[in-house]
Amino acid sequence: MGNHSEMQANERLARQINQDARRDPQSPYAGKRVGIANGQVVVVADTWQEVVARLRQVEPDASKCFCIDASADYERVEDIWIIS
């Protein structure tokens, strides 16, 4: 599998997980952080530290990995203002 197709597989799976977690509060992914490598879920955890540690064990090439907060609303636009 080429790097581009791995990225697409990771993104596709991440989108499915995100939709599932947002639609169903009983989903095993709801409220969790998820690590994906090479098109497969490799870790579901409460913290980013757990996700990163497991991903590094499974796939040392970070370009083949993807992390998401499964319940986050990635479609919502938020403006961040800085006043100096």
C-alpha atoms as a PDB file:
ATOM      1  CA  MET A   1       0.000   0.000   0.000  1.00  0.00           C
ATOM      2  CA  GLY A   2       1.490   3.367  -0.980  1.00  0.00           C
ATOM      3  CA  ASN A   3       1.765   6.208   1.503  1.00  0.00           C
ATOM      4  CA  HIS A   4      -1.028   8.209  -0.181  1.00  0.00           C
ATOM      5  CA  SER A   5      -3.455   5.281  -0.137  1.00  0.00           C
ATOM      6  CA  GLU A   6      -2.575   4.572   3.524  1.00  0.00           C
ATOM      7  CA  MET A   7      -3.381   8.177   4.390  1.00  0.00           C
ATOM      8  CA  GLN A   8      -6.703   7.917   2.569  1.00  0.00           C
ATOM      9  CA  ALA A   9      -7.576   4.655   4.345  1.00  0.00           C
ATOM     10  CA  ASN A  10      -6.707   6.213   7.726  1.00  0.00           C
ATOM     11  CA  GLU A  11      -8.784   9.311   6.993  1.00  0.00           C
ATOM     12  CA  ARG A  12     -11.753   7.277   5.749  1.00  0.00           C
ATOM     13  CA  LEU A  13     -11.725   5.116   8.886  1.00  0.00           C
ATOM     14  CA  ALA A  14     -11.329   8.185  11.117  1.00  0.00           C
ATOM     15  CA  ARG A  15     -14.360   9.809   9.482  1.00  0.00           C
ATOM     16  CA  GLN A  16     -16.458   6.658  10.041  1.00  0.00           C
ATOM     17  CA  ILE A  17     -15.397   6.446  13.689  1.00  0.00           C
ATOM     18  CA  ASN A  18     -16.136  10.140  14.244  1.00  0.00           C
ATOM     19  CA  GLN A  19     -19.610   9.833  12.704  1.00  0.00           C
ATOM     20  CA  ASP A  20     -20.353   6.712  14.754  1.00  0.00           C
ATOM     21  CA  ALA A  21     -19.169   8.245  18.034  1.00  0.00           C
ATOM     22  CA  ARG A  22     -21.142  11.451  17.483  1.00  0.00           C
ATOM     23  CA  ARG A  23     -24.301   9.601  16.455  1.00  0.00           C
ATOM     24  CA  ASP A  24     -24.239   6.931  19.188  1.00  0.00           C
ATOM     25  CA  PRO A  25     -23.172   7.839  22.744  1.00  0.00           C
ATOM     26  CA  GLN A  26     -22.916   4.085  23.465  1.00  0.00           C
ATOM     27  CA  SER A  27     -20.306   3.621  20.734  1.00  0.00           C
ATOM     28  CA  PRO A  28     -17.058   2.115  22.062  1.00  0.00           C
ATOM     29  CA  TYR A  29     -15.321   5.165  20.570  1.00  0.00           C
ATOM     30  CA  ALA A  30     -17.524   7.841  22.184  1.00  0.00           C
ATOM     31  CA  GLY A  31     -15.475  10.170  24.364  1.00  0.00           C
ATOM     32  CA  LYS A  32     -12.232   8.390  23.475  1.00  0.00           C
ATOM     33  CA  ARG A  33      -9.052   9.188  21.585  1.00  0.00           C
ATOM     34  CA  VAL A  34      -8.361   6.811  18.713  1.00  0.00           C
ATOM     35  CA  GLY A  35      -5.102   5.913  17.026  1.00  0.00           C
ATOM     36  CA  ILE A  36      -5.139   4.481  13.519  1.00  0.00           C
ATOM     37  CA  ALA A  37      -2.199   3.013  11.624  1.00  0.00           C
ATOM     38  CA  ASN A  38      -2.161   1.521   8.151  1.00  0.00           C
ATOM     39  CA  GLY A  39      -5.955   1.666   7.856  1.00  0.00           C
ATOM     40  CA  GLN A  40      -6.667  -0.123  11.162  1.00  0.00           C
ATOM     41  CA  VAL A  41      -7.619   0.996  14.658  1.00  0.00           C
ATOM     42  CA  VAL A  42      -4.689   0.121  16.892  1.00  0.00           C
ATOM     43  CA  VAL A  43      -5.609   1.950  20.099  1.00  0.00           C
ATOM     44  CA  VAL A  44      -8.673   3.405  21.805  1.00  0.00           C
ATOM     45  CA  ALA A  45      -7.735   5.309  24.950  1.00  0.00           C
ATOM     46  CA  ASP A  46      -8.644   8.087  27.352  1.00  0.00           C
ATOM     47  CA  THR A  47      -5.470  10.131  26.837  1.00  0.00           C
ATOM     48  CA  TRP A  48      -3.346  11.297  23.931  1.00  0.00           C
ATOM     49  CA  GLN A  49      -0.268   9.959  25.754  1.00  0.00           C
ATOM     50  CA  GLU A  50      -1.669   6.422  25.631  1.00  0.00           C
ATOM     51  CA  VAL A  51      -2.529   6.798  21.946  1.00  0.00           C
ATOM     52  CA  VAL A  52       0.918   8.082  20.987  1.00  0.00           C
ATOM     53  CA  ALA A  53       2.760   5.440  23.027  1.00  0.00           C
ATOM     54  CA  ARG A  54       0.829   2.589  21.403  1.00  0.00           C
ATOM     55  CA  LEU A  55       1.092   4.013  17.890  1.00  0.00           C
ATOM     56  CA  ARG A  56       4.876   4.318  18.255  1.00  0.00           C
ATOM     57  CA  GLN A  57       5.049   0.639  19.227  1.00  0.00           C
ATOM     58  CA  VAL A  58       2.923  -0.473  16.283  1.00  0.00           C
ATOM     59  CA  GLU A  59       4.060   1.917  13.539  1.00  0.00           C
ATOM     60  CA  PRO A  60       7.226   4.003  13.979  1.00  0.00           C
ATOM     61  CA  ASP A  61       6.532   5.937  10.744  1.00  0.00           C
ATOM     62  CA  ALA A  62       4.253   8.768  11.889  1.00  0.00           C
ATOM     63  CA  SER A  63       3.172   9.477   8.298  1.00  0.00           C
ATOM     64  CA  LYS A  64       1.261   6.177   8.375  1.00  0.00           C
ATOM     65  CA  CYS A  65      -0.656   7.105  11.538  1.00  0.00           C
ATOM     66  CA  PHE A  66      -3.743   9.155  12.284  1.00  0.00           C
ATOM     67  CA  CYS A  67      -5.218  10.299  15.614  1.00  0.00           C
ATOM     68  CA  ILE A  68      -8.680  11.630  16.363  1.00  0.00           C
ATOM     69  CA  ASP A  69     -10.825  12.665  19.278  1.00  0.00           C
ATOM     70  CA  ALA A  70     -13.699  10.406  18.276  1.00  0.00           C
ATOM     71  CA  SER A  71     -16.480  12.633  19.624  1.00  0.00           C
ATOM     72  CA  ALA A  72     -15.122  15.981  18.405  1.00  0.00           C
ATOM     73  CA  ASP A  73     -17.108  18.101  15.980  1.00  0.00           C
ATOM     74  CA  TYR A  74     -14.535  18.620  13.238  1.00  0.00           C
ATOM     75  CA  GLU A  75     -17.060  20.375  11.004  1.00  0.00           C
ATOM     76  CA  ARG A  76     -17.698  23.269  13.401  1.00  0.00           C
ATOM     77  CA  VAL A  77     -15.747  26.412  12.622  1.00  0.00           C
ATOM     78  CA  GLU A  78     -14.351  28.321  15.580  1.00  0.00           C
ATOM     79  CA  ASP A  79     -12.811  31.770  15.400  1.00  0.00           C
ATOM     80  CA  ILE A  80      -9.915  32.492  17.706  1.00  0.00           C
ATOM     81  CA  TRP A  81      -9.266  36.129  18.463  1.00  0.00           C
ATOM     82  CA  ILE A  82      -6.125  37.581  19.965  1.00  0.00           C
ATOM     83  CA  ILE A  83      -6.139  41.114  21.265  1.00  0.00           C
ATOM     84  CA  SER A  84      -2.771  42.682  21.868  1.00  0.00           C
END
